């Protein structure tokens, strides 16, 4: 078992202040064979490139902050406490238009990397 204490991620100092930070939090070293996870800090004014995944499905748990999840060119407000499901082949990005960081955990399967960037 691996336990995720959300306050540890909310309170974590950004090791790359003012820049996007991403680190793996669930890997094969945790005996995860078909599921992986990352923690992301998205600073004010930043966004993840618009993209999709050919086979990956994701659950994204917004830990703190608020922003916009753009899905298939449609914008949806998101905030701390929201959990998002992103199916494969759905184009999306998260945009931080606020003056505070957005922090989130994302768990996905399969574990293969298939980040395919596209034009908005």
PDB file of N, CA and C in Angstrom:
ATOM      1  N   UNK A   1       0.848  -1.186   0.000  1.00  0.00           N
ATOM      2  CA  UNK A   1       0.000   0.000   0.000  1.00  0.00           C
ATOM      3  C   UNK A   1       0.888   1.241   0.000  1.00  0.00           C
ATOM      4  N   UNK A   2       0.407   2.254  -0.673  1.00  0.00           N
ATOM      5  CA  UNK A   2       1.058   3.557  -0.632  1.00  0.00           C
ATOM      6  C   UNK A   2      -0.007   4.582  -0.279  1.00  0.00           C
ATOM      7  N   UNK A   3       0.283   5.420   0.690  1.00  0.00           N
ATOM      8  CA  UNK A   3      -0.673   6.443   1.140  1.00  0.00           C
ATOM      9  C   UNK A   3      -0.220   7.810   0.633  1.00  0.00           C
ATOM     10  N   UNK A   4      -1.173   8.578   0.123  1.00  0.00           N
ATOM     11  CA  UNK A   4      -0.911   9.935  -0.339  1.00  0.00           C
ATOM     12  C   UNK A   4      -1.579  10.892   0.640  1.00  0.00           C
ATOM     13  N   UNK A   5      -0.789  11.696   1.300  1.00  0.00           N
ATOM     14  CA  UNK A   5      -1.320  12.696   2.222  1.00  0.00           C
ATOM     15  C   UNK A   5      -1.350  14.031   1.476  1.00  0.00           C
ATOM     16  N   UNK A   6      -2.558  14.446   1.122  1.00  0.00           N
ATOM     17  CA  UNK A   6      -2.693  15.604   0.250  1.00  0.00           C
ATOM     18  C   UNK A   6      -2.043  16.853   0.823  1.00  0.00           C
ATOM     19  N   UNK A   7      -2.073  17.029   2.148  1.00  0.00           N
ATOM     20  CA  UNK A   7      -1.455  18.224   2.745  1.00  0.00           C
ATOM     21  C   UNK A   7       0.039  18.292   2.464  1.00  0.00           C
ATOM     22  N   UNK A   8       0.701  17.141   2.361  1.00  0.00           N
ATOM     23  CA  UNK A   8       2.133  17.149   2.055  1.00  0.00           C
ATOM     24  C   UNK A   8       2.381  17.740   0.669  1.00  0.00           C
ATOM     25  N   UNK A   9       1.484  17.489  -0.270  1.00  0.00           N
ATOM     26  CA  UNK A   9       1.631  18.032  -1.625  1.00  0.00           C
ATOM     27  C   UNK A   9       1.196  19.493  -1.680  1.00  0.00           C
ATOM     28  N   UNK A  10       0.166  19.836  -0.931  1.00  0.00           N
ATOM     29  CA  UNK A  10      -0.300  21.224  -0.893  1.00  0.00           C
ATOM     30  C   UNK A  10       0.769  22.124  -0.278  1.00  0.00           C
ATOM     31  N   UNK A  11       1.441  21.628   0.760  1.00  0.00           N
ATOM     32  CA  UNK A  11       2.434  22.425   1.481  1.00  0.00           C
ATOM     33  C   UNK A  11       3.846  22.337   0.896  1.00  0.00           C
ATOM     34  N   UNK A  12       4.080  21.442  -0.051  1.00  0.00           N
ATOM     35  CA  UNK A  12       5.417  21.229  -0.609  1.00  0.00           C
ATOM     36  C   UNK A  12       5.936  22.499  -1.276  1.00  0.00           C
ATOM     37  N   UNK A  13       7.173  22.850  -0.956  1.00  0.00           N
ATOM     38  CA  UNK A  13       7.804  23.990  -1.596  1.00  0.00           C
ATOM     39  C   UNK A  13       8.140  23.626  -3.040  1.00  0.00           C
ATOM     40  N   UNK A  14       7.892  24.536  -3.945  1.00  0.00           N
ATOM     41  CA  UNK A  14       8.213  24.293  -5.350  1.00  0.00           C
ATOM     42  C   UNK A  14       9.731  24.364  -5.519  1.00  0.00           C
ATOM     43  N   UNK A  15      10.382  23.237  -5.896  1.00  0.00           N
ATOM     44  CA  UNK A  15      11.836  23.258  -6.081  1.00  0.00           C
ATOM     45  C   UNK A  15      12.260  24.049  -7.326  1.00  0.00           C
ATOM     46  N   UNK A  16      11.306  24.460  -8.157  1.00  0.00           N
ATOM     47  CA  UNK A  16      11.585  25.282  -9.342  1.00  0.00           C
ATOM     48  C   UNK A  16      10.673  26.512  -9.302  1.00  0.00           C
ATOM     49  N   UNK A  17      10.870  27.426  -8.339  1.00  0.00           N
ATOM     50  CA  UNK A  17       9.944  28.552  -8.144  1.00  0.00           C
ATOM     51  C   UNK A  17       9.656  29.306  -9.444  1.00  0.00           C
ATOM     52  N   UNK A  18       8.342  29.556  -9.668  1.00  0.00           N
ATOM     53  CA  UNK A  18       7.915  30.283 -10.845  1.00  0.00           C
ATOM     54  C   UNK A  18       7.864  29.450 -12.111  1.00  0.00           C
ATOM     55  N   UNK A  19       8.298  28.191 -12.026  1.00  0.00           N
ATOM     56  CA  UNK A  19       8.275  27.302 -13.188  1.00  0.00           C
ATOM     57  C   UNK A  19       7.477  26.050 -12.849  1.00  0.00           C
ATOM     58  N   UNK A  20       6.950  25.416 -13.880  1.00  0.00           N
ATOM     59  CA  UNK A  20       6.183  24.185 -13.709  1.00  0.00           C
ATOM     60  C   UNK A  20       7.076  23.107 -13.115  1.00  0.00           C
ATOM     61  N   UNK A  21       6.499  22.361 -12.157  1.00  0.00           N
ATOM     62  CA  UNK A  21       7.217  21.263 -11.514  1.00  0.00           C
ATOM     63  C   UNK A  21       6.387  20.005 -11.669  1.00  0.00           C
ATOM     64  N   UNK A  22       7.038  18.907 -12.015  1.00  0.00           N
ATOM     65  CA  UNK A  22       6.349  17.623 -12.224  1.00  0.00           C
ATOM     66  C   UNK A  22       7.252  16.520 -11.700  1.00  0.00           C
ATOM     67  N   UNK A  23       6.680  15.621 -10.893  1.00  0.00           N
ATOM     68  CA  UNK A  23       7.452  14.501 -10.390  1.00  0.00           C
ATOM     69  C   UNK A  23       6.568  13.259 -10.307  1.00  0.00           C
ATOM     70  N   UNK A  24       7.170  12.128 -10.548  1.00  0.00           N
ATOM     71  CA  UNK A  24       6.428  10.867 -10.459  1.00  0.00           C
ATOM     72  C   UNK A  24       6.183  10.524  -8.988  1.00  0.00           C
ATOM     73  N   UNK A  25       4.972  10.033  -8.697  1.00  0.00           N
ATOM     74  CA  UNK A  25       4.620   9.660  -7.323  1.00  0.00           C
ATOM     75  C   UNK A  25       4.142   8.216  -7.213  1.00  0.00           C
ATOM     76  N   UNK A  26       3.939   7.560  -8.339  1.00  0.00           N
ATOM     77  CA  UNK A  26       3.575   6.142  -8.354  1.00  0.00           C
ATOM     78  C   UNK A  26       4.263   5.503  -9.554  1.00  0.00           C
ATOM     79  N   UNK A  27       5.162   4.556  -9.273  1.00  0.00           N
ATOM     80  CA  UNK A  27       5.959   3.948 -10.334  1.00  0.00           C
ATOM     81  C   UNK A  27       6.088   2.447 -10.082  1.00  0.00           C
ATOM     82  N   UNK A  28       6.801   1.789 -10.965  1.00  0.00           N
ATOM     83  CA  UNK A  28       7.060   0.354 -10.797  1.00  0.00           C
ATOM     84  C   UNK A  28       7.810   0.072  -9.503  1.00  0.00           C
ATOM     85  N   UNK A  29       8.598   1.023  -9.025  1.00  0.00           N
ATOM     86  CA  UNK A  29       9.307   0.813  -7.754  1.00  0.00           C
ATOM     87  C   UNK A  29       8.339   0.718  -6.575  1.00  0.00           C
ATOM     88  N   UNK A  30       7.085   1.146  -6.777  1.00  0.00           N
ATOM     89  CA  UNK A  30       6.029   1.004  -5.762  1.00  0.00           C
ATOM     90  C   UNK A  30       5.212  -0.263  -6.001  1.00  0.00           C
ATOM     91  N   UNK A  31       5.691  -1.122  -6.912  1.00  0.00           N
ATOM     92  CA  UNK A  31       4.992  -2.342  -7.340  1.00  0.00           C
ATOM     93  C   UNK A  31       3.752  -2.046  -8.166  1.00  0.00           C
ATOM     94  N   UNK A  32       3.688  -0.850  -8.751  1.00  0.00           N
ATOM     95  CA  UNK A  32       2.585  -0.505  -9.646  1.00  0.00           C
ATOM     96  C   UNK A  32       2.929  -1.036 -11.032  1.00  0.00           C
ATOM     97  N   UNK A  33       2.155  -1.954 -11.535  1.00  0.00           N
ATOM     98  CA  UNK A  33       2.432  -2.594 -12.818  1.00  0.00           C
ATOM     99  C   UNK A  33       1.647  -1.971 -13.972  1.00  0.00           C
ATOM    100  N   UNK A  34       0.438  -1.477 -13.702  1.00  0.00           N
ATOM    101  CA  UNK A  34      -0.421  -0.971 -14.768  1.00  0.00           C
ATOM    102  C   UNK A  34      -0.946   0.445 -14.520  1.00  0.00           C
ATOM    103  N   UNK A  35      -0.500   1.065 -13.451  1.00  0.00           N
ATOM    104  CA  UNK A  35      -0.972   2.393 -13.083  1.00  0.00           C
ATOM    105  C   UNK A  35       0.226   3.232 -12.679  1.00  0.00           C
ATOM    106  N   UNK A  36       0.220   4.515 -13.062  1.00  0.00           N
ATOM    107  CA  UNK A  36       1.296   5.433 -12.692  1.00  0.00           C
ATOM    108  C   UNK A  36       0.677   6.720 -12.167  1.00  0.00           C
ATOM    109  N   UNK A  37       1.491   7.538 -11.514  1.00  0.00           N
ATOM    110  CA  UNK A  37       0.985   8.794 -10.982  1.00  0.00           C
ATOM    111  C   UNK A  37       2.045   9.869 -10.951  1.00  0.00           C
ATOM    112  N   UNK A  38       1.584  11.120 -11.091  1.00  0.00           N
ATOM    113  CA  UNK A  38       2.472  12.276 -11.023  1.00  0.00           C
ATOM    114  C   UNK A  38       1.857  13.338 -10.125  1.00  0.00           C
ATOM    115  N   UNK A  39       2.726  14.205  -9.606  1.00  0.00           N
ATOM    116  CA  UNK A  39       2.323  15.409  -8.879  1.00  0.00           C
ATOM    117  C   UNK A  39       2.822  16.583  -9.693  1.00  0.00           C
ATOM    118  N   UNK A  40       1.939  17.595  -9.878  1.00  0.00           N
ATOM    119  CA  UNK A  40       2.285  18.752 -10.694  1.00  0.00           C
ATOM    120  C   UNK A  40       1.984  20.031  -9.934  1.00  0.00           C
ATOM    121  N   UNK A  41       2.916  20.986 -10.038  1.00  0.00           N
ATOM    122  CA  UNK A  41       2.678  22.360  -9.597  1.00  0.00           C
ATOM    123  C   UNK A  41       2.679  23.214 -10.862  1.00  0.00           C
ATOM    124  N   UNK A  42       1.552  23.874 -11.119  1.00  0.00           N
ATOM    125  CA  UNK A  42       1.400  24.740 -12.282  1.00  0.00           C
ATOM    126  C   UNK A  42       1.338  26.182 -11.775  1.00  0.00           C
ATOM    127  N   UNK A  43       2.405  26.965 -11.993  1.00  0.00           N
ATOM    128  CA  UNK A  43       2.431  28.320 -11.425  1.00  0.00           C
ATOM    129  C   UNK A  43       1.464  29.272 -12.120  1.00  0.00           C
ATOM    130  N   UNK A  44       1.243  30.385 -11.483  1.00  0.00           N
ATOM    131  CA  UNK A  44       0.363  31.427 -12.014  1.00  0.00           C
ATOM    132  C   UNK A  44       0.763  31.775 -13.443  1.00  0.00           C
ATOM    133  N   UNK A  45      -0.247  31.879 -14.324  1.00  0.00           N
ATOM    134  CA  UNK A  45      -0.010  32.289 -15.698  1.00  0.00           C
ATOM    135  C   UNK A  45       0.492  31.200 -16.629  1.00  0.00           C
ATOM    136  N   UNK A  46       0.672  29.992 -16.143  1.00  0.00           N
ATOM    137  CA  UNK A  46       1.216  28.900 -16.960  1.00  0.00           C
ATOM    138  C   UNK A  46       0.087  27.972 -17.410  1.00  0.00           C
ATOM    139  N   UNK A  47       0.403  27.113 -18.359  1.00  0.00           N
ATOM    140  CA  UNK A  47      -0.536  26.083 -18.772  1.00  0.00           C
ATOM    141  C   UNK A  47       0.236  24.895 -19.325  1.00  0.00           C
ATOM    142  N   UNK A  48      -0.390  23.727 -19.253  1.00  0.00           N
ATOM    143  CA  UNK A  48       0.149  22.518 -19.855  1.00  0.00           C
ATOM    144  C   UNK A  48      -0.133  22.616 -21.355  1.00  0.00           C
ATOM    145  N   UNK A  49       0.771  22.178 -22.226  1.00  0.00           N
ATOM    146  CA  UNK A  49       0.470  22.223 -23.663  1.00  0.00           C
ATOM    147  C   UNK A  49      -0.817  21.455 -23.981  1.00  0.00           C
ATOM    148  N   UNK A  50      -1.555  21.951 -24.960  1.00  0.00           N
ATOM    149  CA  UNK A  50      -2.782  21.293 -25.416  1.00  0.00           C
ATOM    150  C   UNK A  50      -2.375  19.962 -26.045  1.00  0.00           C
ATOM    151  N   UNK A  51      -2.996  18.864 -25.601  1.00  0.00           N
ATOM    152  CA  UNK A  51      -2.529  17.538 -26.009  1.00  0.00           C
ATOM    153  C   UNK A  51      -3.631  16.493 -25.842  1.00  0.00           C
ATOM    154  N   UNK A  52      -3.297  15.277 -26.240  1.00  0.00           N
ATOM    155  CA  UNK A  52      -4.145  14.123 -25.955  1.00  0.00           C
ATOM    156  C   UNK A  52      -3.254  12.911 -25.776  1.00  0.00           C
ATOM    157  N   UNK A  53      -3.863  11.831 -25.337  1.00  0.00           N
ATOM    158  CA  UNK A  53      -3.159  10.560 -25.157  1.00  0.00           C
ATOM    159  C   UNK A  53      -3.903   9.505 -25.971  1.00  0.00           C
ATOM    160  N   UNK A  54      -3.174   8.758 -26.773  1.00  0.00           N
ATOM    161  CA  UNK A  54      -3.794   7.762 -27.651  1.00  0.00           C
ATOM    162  C   UNK A  54      -4.415   6.616 -26.871  1.00  0.00           C
ATOM    163  N   UNK A  55      -3.808   6.229 -25.756  1.00  0.00           N
ATOM    164  CA  UNK A  55      -4.360   5.092 -25.007  1.00  0.00           C
ATOM    165  C   UNK A  55      -4.528   5.367 -23.518  1.00  0.00           C
ATOM    166  N   UNK A  56      -3.955   6.415 -23.005  1.00  0.00           N
ATOM    167  CA  UNK A  56      -3.992   6.701 -21.571  1.00  0.00           C
ATOM    168  C   UNK A  56      -5.327   7.269 -21.125  1.00  0.00           C
ATOM    169  N   UNK A  57      -5.817   6.772 -20.001  1.00  0.00           N
ATOM    170  CA  UNK A  57      -6.940   7.358 -19.278  1.00  0.00           C
ATOM    171  C   UNK A  57      -6.388   7.918 -17.976  1.00  0.00           C
ATOM    172  N   UNK A  58      -6.896   9.073 -17.552  1.00  0.00           N
ATOM    173  CA  UNK A  58      -6.355   9.734 -16.367  1.00  0.00           C
ATOM    174  C   UNK A  58      -7.442  10.160 -15.405  1.00  0.00           C
ATOM    175  N   UNK A  59      -7.096  10.142 -14.126  1.00  0.00           N
ATOM    176  CA  UNK A  59      -7.866  10.799 -13.072  1.00  0.00           C
ATOM    177  C   UNK A  59      -6.980  11.906 -12.527  1.00  0.00           C
ATOM    178  N   UNK A  60      -7.506  13.121 -12.505  1.00  0.00           N
ATOM    179  CA  UNK A  60      -6.764  14.276 -12.022  1.00  0.00           C
ATOM    180  C   UNK A  60      -7.493  14.822 -10.803  1.00  0.00           C
ATOM    181  N   UNK A  61      -6.767  14.906  -9.684  1.00  0.00           N
ATOM    182  CA  UNK A  61      -7.333  15.418  -8.437  1.00  0.00           C
ATOM    183  C   UNK A  61      -6.699  16.775  -8.162  1.00  0.00           C
ATOM    184  N   UNK A  62      -7.512  17.840  -8.247  1.00  0.00           N
ATOM    185  CA  UNK A  62      -7.029  19.200  -7.993  1.00  0.00           C
ATOM    186  C   UNK A  62      -6.901  19.380  -6.480  1.00  0.00           C
ATOM    187  N   UNK A  63      -5.668  19.566  -6.027  1.00  0.00           N
ATOM    188  CA  UNK A  63      -5.395  19.692  -4.590  1.00  0.00           C
ATOM    189  C   UNK A  63      -5.570  21.115  -4.087  1.00  0.00           C
ATOM    190  N   UNK A  64      -5.102  22.084  -4.877  1.00  0.00           N
ATOM    191  CA  UNK A  64      -5.221  23.484  -4.471  1.00  0.00           C
ATOM    192  C   UNK A  64      -5.209  24.368  -5.706  1.00  0.00           C
ATOM    193  N   UNK A  65      -5.752  25.552  -5.535  1.00  0.00           N
ATOM    194  CA  UNK A  65      -5.808  26.511  -6.629  1.00  0.00           C
ATOM    195  C   UNK A  65      -7.068  26.362  -7.453  1.00  0.00           C
ATOM    196  N   UNK A  66      -7.121  27.168  -8.503  1.00  0.00           N
ATOM    197  CA  UNK A  66      -8.252  27.111  -9.426  1.00  0.00           C
ATOM    198  C   UNK A  66      -7.777  27.531 -10.800  1.00  0.00           C
ATOM    199  N   UNK A  67      -8.455  27.007 -11.806  1.00  0.00           N
ATOM    200  CA  UNK A  67      -8.058  27.308 -13.174  1.00  0.00           C
ATOM    201  C   UNK A  67      -9.116  26.863 -14.153  1.00  0.00           C
ATOM    202  N   UNK A  68      -8.671  26.600 -15.358  1.00  0.00           N
ATOM    203  CA  UNK A  68      -9.549  26.205 -16.454  1.00  0.00           C
ATOM    204  C   UNK A  68      -9.032  24.886 -17.021  1.00  0.00           C
ATOM    205  N   UNK A  69      -9.914  23.921 -17.177  1.00  0.00           N
ATOM    206  CA  UNK A  69      -9.593  22.704 -17.930  1.00  0.00           C
ATOM    207  C   UNK A  69     -10.248  22.897 -19.285  1.00  0.00           C
ATOM    208  N   UNK A  70      -9.425  22.955 -20.319  1.00  0.00           N
ATOM    209  CA  UNK A  70      -9.921  23.109 -21.681  1.00  0.00           C
ATOM    210  C   UNK A  70      -9.963  21.717 -22.294  1.00  0.00           C
ATOM    211  N   UNK A  71     -11.156  21.295 -22.703  1.00  0.00           N
ATOM    212  CA  UNK A  71     -11.370  19.964 -23.260  1.00  0.00           C
ATOM    213  C   UNK A  71     -12.059  20.117 -24.610  1.00  0.00           C
ATOM    214  N   UNK A  72     -11.401  19.609 -25.644  1.00  0.00           N
ATOM    215  CA  UNK A  72     -11.954  19.716 -26.997  1.00  0.00           C
ATOM    216  C   UNK A  72     -12.410  21.153 -27.285  1.00  0.00           C
ATOM    217  N   UNK A  73     -11.559  22.115 -26.909  1.00  0.00           N
ATOM    218  CA  UNK A  73     -11.733  23.557 -27.147  1.00  0.00           C
ATOM    219  C   UNK A  73     -12.843  24.208 -26.313  1.00  0.00           C
ATOM    220  N   UNK A  74     -13.406  23.476 -25.379  1.00  0.00           N
ATOM    221  CA  UNK A  74     -14.430  24.026 -24.486  1.00  0.00           C
ATOM    222  C   UNK A  74     -13.803  24.191 -23.102  1.00  0.00           C
ATOM    223  N   UNK A  75     -14.071  25.330 -22.450  1.00  0.00           N
ATOM    224  CA  UNK A  75     -13.456  25.629 -21.161  1.00  0.00           C
ATOM    225  C   UNK A  75     -14.390  25.315 -19.995  1.00  0.00           C
ATOM    226  N   UNK A  76     -13.802  24.699 -18.944  1.00  0.00           N
ATOM    227  CA  UNK A  76     -14.528  24.337 -17.729  1.00  0.00           C
ATOM    228  C   UNK A  76     -13.736  24.818 -16.523  1.00  0.00           C
ATOM    229  N   UNK A  77     -14.356  25.586 -15.614  1.00  0.00           N
ATOM    230  CA  UNK A  77     -13.638  25.992 -14.407  1.00  0.00           C
ATOM    231  C   UNK A  77     -13.378  24.780 -13.507  1.00  0.00           C
ATOM    232  N   UNK A  78     -12.180  24.740 -12.906  1.00  0.00           N
ATOM    233  CA  UNK A  78     -11.827  23.682 -11.955  1.00  0.00           C
ATOM    234  C   UNK A  78     -11.219  24.336 -10.723  1.00  0.00           C
ATOM    235  N   UNK A  79     -11.381  23.646  -9.584  1.00  0.00           N
ATOM    236  CA  UNK A  79     -10.835  24.189  -8.335  1.00  0.00           C
ATOM    237  C   UNK A  79     -10.490  23.051  -7.387  1.00  0.00           C
ATOM    238  N   UNK A  80      -9.843  23.411  -6.283  1.00  0.00           N
ATOM    239  CA  UNK A  80      -9.443  22.434  -5.276  1.00  0.00           C
ATOM    240  C   UNK A  80     -10.621  21.554  -4.901  1.00  0.00           C
ATOM    241  N   UNK A  81     -10.371  20.234  -4.862  1.00  0.00           N
ATOM    242  CA  UNK A  81     -11.394  19.266  -4.514  1.00  0.00           C
ATOM    243  C   UNK A  81     -12.023  18.596  -5.721  1.00  0.00           C
ATOM    244  N   UNK A  82     -11.853  19.179  -6.915  1.00  0.00           N
ATOM    245  CA  UNK A  82     -12.409  18.573  -8.123  1.00  0.00           C
ATOM    246  C   UNK A  82     -11.586  17.358  -8.541  1.00  0.00           C
ATOM    247  N   UNK A  83     -12.262  16.346  -9.053  1.00  0.00           N
ATOM    248  CA  UNK A  83     -11.621  15.166  -9.628  1.00  0.00           C
ATOM    249  C   UNK A  83     -12.103  15.066 -11.069  1.00  0.00           C
ATOM    250  N   UNK A  84     -11.163  14.999 -11.996  1.00  0.00           N
ATOM    251  CA  UNK A  84     -11.481  14.979 -13.419  1.00  0.00           C
ATOM    252  C   UNK A  84     -11.101  13.632 -14.013  1.00  0.00           C
ATOM    253  N   UNK A  85     -11.951  13.094 -14.864  1.00  0.00           N
ATOM    254  CA  UNK A  85     -11.618  11.890 -15.629  1.00  0.00           C
ATOM    255  C   UNK A  85     -11.381  12.309 -17.066  1.00  0.00           C
ATOM    256  N   UNK A  86     -10.236  11.936 -17.603  1.00  0.00           N
ATOM    257  CA  UNK A  86      -9.888  12.253 -18.984  1.00  0.00           C
ATOM    258  C   UNK A  86      -9.745  10.946 -19.758  1.00  0.00           C
ATOM    259  N   UNK A  87     -10.677  10.628 -20.659  1.00  0.00           N
ATOM    260  CA  UNK A  87     -10.547   9.410 -21.456  1.00  0.00           C
ATOM    261  C   UNK A  87      -9.475   9.571 -22.544  1.00  0.00           C
ATOM    262  N   UNK A  88      -9.034   8.472 -23.087  1.00  0.00           N
ATOM    263  CA  UNK A  88      -8.070   8.497 -24.186  1.00  0.00           C
ATOM    264  C   UNK A  88      -8.645   9.273 -25.368  1.00  0.00           C
ATOM    265  N   UNK A  89      -7.763   9.908 -26.106  1.00  0.00           N
ATOM    266  CA  UNK A  89      -8.076  10.644 -27.337  1.00  0.00           C
ATOM    267  C   UNK A  89      -8.837  11.950 -27.133  1.00  0.00           C
ATOM    268  N   UNK A  90      -9.034  12.390 -25.897  1.00  0.00           N
ATOM    269  CA  UNK A  90      -9.716  13.657 -25.645  1.00  0.00           C
ATOM    270  C   UNK A  90      -8.658  14.753 -25.503  1.00  0.00           C
ATOM    271  N   UNK A  91      -8.701  15.742 -26.386  1.00  0.00           N
ATOM    272  CA  UNK A  91      -7.726  16.838 -26.350  1.00  0.00           C
ATOM    273  C   UNK A  91      -8.021  17.724 -25.142  1.00  0.00           C
ATOM    274  N   UNK A  92      -6.941  18.077 -24.398  1.00  0.00           N
ATOM    275  CA  UNK A  92      -7.150  18.851 -23.184  1.00  0.00           C
ATOM    276  C   UNK A  92      -5.882  19.576 -22.733  1.00  0.00           C
ATOM    277  N   UNK A  93      -6.089  20.523 -21.840  1.00  0.00           N
ATOM    278  CA  UNK A  93      -5.013  21.250 -21.169  1.00  0.00           C
ATOM    279  C   UNK A  93      -5.576  21.829 -19.891  1.00  0.00           C
ATOM    280  N   UNK A  94      -4.701  22.155 -18.955  1.00  0.00           N
ATOM    281  CA  UNK A  94      -5.122  22.910 -17.774  1.00  0.00           C
ATOM    282  C   UNK A  94      -4.409  24.256 -17.833  1.00  0.00           C
ATOM    283  N   UNK A  95      -5.168  25.308 -17.575  1.00  0.00           N
ATOM    284  CA  UNK A  95      -4.676  26.686 -17.693  1.00  0.00           C
ATOM    285  C   UNK A  95      -4.816  27.366 -16.339  1.00  0.00           C
ATOM    286  N   UNK A  96      -3.742  28.016 -15.891  1.00  0.00           N
ATOM    287  CA  UNK A  96      -3.776  28.746 -14.632  1.00  0.00           C
ATOM    288  C   UNK A  96      -3.796  30.238 -14.931  1.00  0.00           C
ATOM    289  N   UNK A  97      -4.975  30.837 -14.851  1.00  0.00           N
ATOM    290  CA  UNK A  97      -5.128  32.280 -15.079  1.00  0.00           C
ATOM    291  C   UNK A  97      -5.134  33.055 -13.767  1.00  0.00           C
ATOM    292  N   UNK A  98      -4.889  32.371 -12.663  1.00  0.00           N
ATOM    293  CA  UNK A  98      -4.930  33.022 -11.350  1.00  0.00           C
ATOM    294  C   UNK A  98      -3.529  33.504 -10.958  1.00  0.00           C
ATOM    295  N   UNK A  99      -3.428  34.053  -9.757  1.00  0.00           N
ATOM    296  CA  UNK A  99      -2.121  34.511  -9.260  1.00  0.00           C
ATOM    297  C   UNK A  99      -1.528  33.544  -8.236  1.00  0.00           C
ATOM    298  N   UNK A 100      -2.092  32.333  -8.137  1.00  0.00           N
ATOM    299  CA  UNK A 100      -1.596  31.300  -7.215  1.00  0.00           C
ATOM    300  C   UNK A 100      -1.365  29.998  -7.986  1.00  0.00           C
ATOM    301  N   UNK A 101      -0.502  29.146  -7.428  1.00  0.00           N
ATOM    302  CA  UNK A 101      -0.242  27.842  -8.033  1.00  0.00           C
ATOM    303  C   UNK A 101      -1.499  26.982  -8.085  1.00  0.00           C
ATOM    304  N   UNK A 102      -1.577  26.119  -9.090  1.00  0.00           N
ATOM    305  CA  UNK A 102      -2.500  24.991  -9.098  1.00  0.00           C
ATOM    306  C   UNK A 102      -1.642  23.769  -8.811  1.00  0.00           C
ATOM    307  N   UNK A 103      -2.085  22.928  -7.896  1.00  0.00           N
ATOM    308  CA  UNK A 103      -1.377  21.691  -7.572  1.00  0.00           C
ATOM    309  C   UNK A 103      -2.339  20.532  -7.773  1.00  0.00           C
ATOM    310  N   UNK A 104      -1.843  19.480  -8.430  1.00  0.00           N
ATOM    311  CA  UNK A 104      -2.718  18.331  -8.647  1.00  0.00           C
ATOM    312  C   UNK A 104      -1.939  17.035  -8.700  1.00  0.00           C
ATOM    313  N   UNK A 105      -2.659  15.970  -8.364  1.00  0.00           N
ATOM    314  CA  UNK A 105      -2.180  14.609  -8.549  1.00  0.00           C
ATOM    315  C   UNK A 105      -2.902  14.029  -9.747  1.00  0.00           C
ATOM    316  N   UNK A 106      -2.157  13.319 -10.583  1.00  0.00           N
ATOM    317  CA  UNK A 106      -2.760  12.651 -11.735  1.00  0.00           C
ATOM    318  C   UNK A 106      -2.340  11.188 -11.723  1.00  0.00           C
ATOM    319  N   UNK A 107      -3.307  10.303 -11.801  1.00  0.00           N
ATOM    320  CA  UNK A 107      -3.055   8.870 -11.882  1.00  0.00           C
ATOM    321  C   UNK A 107      -3.565   8.391 -13.238  1.00  0.00           C
ATOM    322  N   UNK A 108      -2.770   7.559 -13.910  1.00  0.00           N
ATOM    323  CA  UNK A 108      -3.125   7.182 -15.273  1.00  0.00           C
ATOM    324  C   UNK A 108      -2.711   5.749 -15.602  1.00  0.00           C
ATOM    325  N   UNK A 109      -3.416   5.212 -16.582  1.00  0.00           N
ATOM    326  CA  UNK A 109      -3.128   3.875 -17.113  1.00  0.00           C
ATOM    327  C   UNK A 109      -3.496   3.892 -18.584  1.00  0.00           C
ATOM    328  N   UNK A 110      -2.789   3.162 -19.421  1.00  0.00           N
ATOM    329  CA  UNK A 110      -1.589   2.399 -19.099  1.00  0.00           C
ATOM    330  C   UNK A 110      -0.409   3.328 -18.838  1.00  0.00           C
ATOM    331  N   UNK A 111       0.689   2.757 -18.374  1.00  0.00           N
ATOM    332  CA  UNK A 111       1.823   3.571 -17.942  1.00  0.00           C
ATOM    333  C   UNK A 111       2.679   4.090 -19.095  1.00  0.00           C
ATOM    334  N   UNK A 112       2.467   3.591 -20.299  1.00  0.00           N
ATOM    335  CA  UNK A 112       3.255   4.079 -21.430  1.00  0.00           C
ATOM    336  C   UNK A 112       3.025   5.568 -21.622  1.00  0.00           C
ATOM    337  N   UNK A 113       4.088   6.267 -21.957  1.00  0.00           N
ATOM    338  CA  UNK A 113       3.997   7.705 -22.212  1.00  0.00           C
ATOM    339  C   UNK A 113       3.495   7.910 -23.644  1.00  0.00           C
ATOM    340  N   UNK A 114       2.405   8.606 -23.781  1.00  0.00           N
ATOM    341  CA  UNK A 114       1.895   8.912 -25.131  1.00  0.00           C
ATOM    342  C   UNK A 114       1.294  10.303 -25.168  1.00  0.00           C
ATOM    343  N   UNK A 115       2.105  11.280 -24.797  1.00  0.00           N
ATOM    344  CA  UNK A 115       1.733  12.697 -24.781  1.00  0.00           C
ATOM    345  C   UNK A 115       1.861  13.229 -26.195  1.00  0.00           C
ATOM    346  N   UNK A 116       0.723  13.558 -26.817  1.00  0.00           N
ATOM    347  CA  UNK A 116       0.717  14.006 -28.204  1.00  0.00           C
ATOM    348  C   UNK A 116       0.221  15.444 -28.234  1.00  0.00           C
ATOM    349  N   UNK A 117       1.148  16.392 -28.440  1.00  0.00           N
ATOM    350  CA  UNK A 117       0.818  17.805 -28.438  1.00  0.00           C
ATOM    351  C   UNK A 117       0.143  18.192 -29.754  1.00  0.00           C
ATOM    352  N   UNK A 118      -0.893  19.032 -29.657  1.00  0.00           N
ATOM    353  CA  UNK A 118      -1.644  19.497 -30.832  1.00  0.00           C
ATOM    354  C   UNK A 118      -1.879  21.001 -30.724  1.00  0.00           C
ATOM    355  N   UNK A 119      -2.249  21.617 -31.849  1.00  0.00           N
ATOM    356  CA  UNK A 119      -2.592  23.038 -31.860  1.00  0.00           C
ATOM    357  C   UNK A 119      -3.955  23.254 -31.238  1.00  0.00           C
ATOM    358  N   UNK A 120      -4.083  24.380 -30.547  1.00  0.00           N
ATOM    359  CA  UNK A 120      -5.379  24.733 -29.969  1.00  0.00           C
ATOM    360  C   UNK A 120      -6.266  25.253 -31.056  1.00  0.00           C
TER     361      UNK A 120
END
